[in-house]
Protein backbone atom coordinates (compact mmCIF):
# COMPACT_ATOMS: atom_id res chain seq x y z
CA MET A 1 112.96 79.87 102.62
CA ARG A 2 113.50 82.18 99.68
CA ARG A 3 111.65 81.17 96.53
CA GLU A 4 113.13 81.28 93.07
CA MET A 5 112.08 84.47 91.30
CA ILE A 6 111.50 83.95 87.58
CA GLU A 7 112.04 87.04 85.47
CA GLY A 8 108.78 87.97 83.73
CA GLY A 9 106.75 85.50 85.82
CA LEU A 10 103.70 86.17 87.96
CA HIS A 11 104.50 86.48 91.65
CA ASP A 12 102.45 86.55 94.83
CA VAL A 13 104.54 88.50 97.32
CA TYR A 14 103.43 88.06 100.93
CA ASN A 15 104.91 88.69 104.34
CA ARG A 16 103.49 88.42 107.84
CA PHE A 17 105.62 90.00 110.54
CA ALA A 18 107.07 87.97 113.41
CA ARG A 19 105.04 87.51 116.56
CA GLY A 20 102.04 89.12 114.87
CA GLU A 21 103.68 92.51 115.28
CA GLU A 22 101.38 95.20 113.91
CA ILE A 23 103.97 97.32 112.16
CA PHE A 24 101.43 98.93 109.83
CA ALA A 25 99.14 100.00 112.68
CA ASP A 26 101.24 103.19 112.57
CA PRO A 27 99.95 105.19 109.57
CA GLU A 28 103.42 106.65 108.95
CA GLU A 29 104.87 103.15 108.49
CA ALA A 30 102.05 102.24 106.11
CA ILE A 31 102.63 105.37 104.04
CA ALA A 32 106.38 104.73 103.96
CA PHE A 33 105.78 101.16 102.73
CA VAL A 34 103.42 102.27 99.94
CA ASP A 35 105.85 105.01 98.92
CA ARG A 36 108.77 102.56 98.81
CA LEU A 37 106.74 100.05 96.78
CA HIS A 38 105.72 102.79 94.34
CA GLU A 39 109.33 104.01 93.95
CA THR A 40 110.69 100.50 93.39
CA LYS A 41 107.89 99.68 90.94
CA ALA A 42 108.58 102.84 88.91
CA ARG A 43 112.35 102.35 88.96
CA ASP A 44 112.30 98.68 87.98
CA GLU A 45 109.20 98.83 85.79
CA PHE A 46 107.26 95.90 87.20
CA THR A 47 103.48 95.65 87.34
CA VAL A 48 101.46 95.45 90.54
CA PHE A 49 98.03 93.97 89.82
CA ALA A 50 96.60 94.24 93.32
CA TRP A 51 97.85 94.84 96.83
CA VAL A 52 96.66 94.81 100.41
CA LEU A 53 98.26 96.29 103.49
CA VAL A 54 96.97 95.03 106.86
CA SER A 55 98.32 95.97 110.28
CA ASN A 56 100.53 92.85 110.50
CA HIS A 57 101.18 91.84 106.88
CA PHE A 58 101.21 92.84 103.24
CA GLN A 59 100.52 91.02 100.00
CA TYR A 60 100.66 91.99 96.34
CA GLY A 61 100.52 90.31 92.98
CA SER A 62 103.02 91.41 90.37
CA SER A 63 104.73 90.53 87.13
CA ASN A 64 107.85 91.51 85.23
CA ILE A 65 110.02 91.47 88.35
CA ARG A 66 113.58 91.63 87.14
CA ARG A 67 116.42 90.07 89.06
CA ALA A 68 117.89 93.59 89.35
CA SER A 69 114.96 94.52 91.60
CA LEU A 70 115.97 91.82 94.01
CA GLU A 71 119.67 92.66 93.90
CA ASN A 72 119.35 96.47 94.11
CA ASP A 73 117.03 96.56 97.11
CA ALA A 74 116.28 94.54 100.14
CA LEU A 75 113.12 92.54 99.75
CA PRO A 76 109.96 94.31 100.95
CA SER A 77 109.99 92.22 104.12
CA GLU A 78 113.41 93.69 104.95
CA TRP A 79 112.39 97.35 104.50
CA PHE A 80 111.06 97.61 108.05
CA GLN A 81 113.20 96.14 110.78
CA PRO A 82 112.32 96.68 114.44
């Protein structure tokens, strides 16, 4: 279920991959994710307060997410499809 994103609100963004798949066990995938998050953050000017990247999930806290961020890009959970 997709939650309502409130512009300027505080958001806890979290995703665990299906079947416990360890997508970030590959260092290249982890680097690609961090790079994509950094690019999107810079482009859309939102704040990331903290983040964690584990082999099978990611989580970050952010604010100032604009609806344009959600419409211009796939959500982070959609960046890596098997």
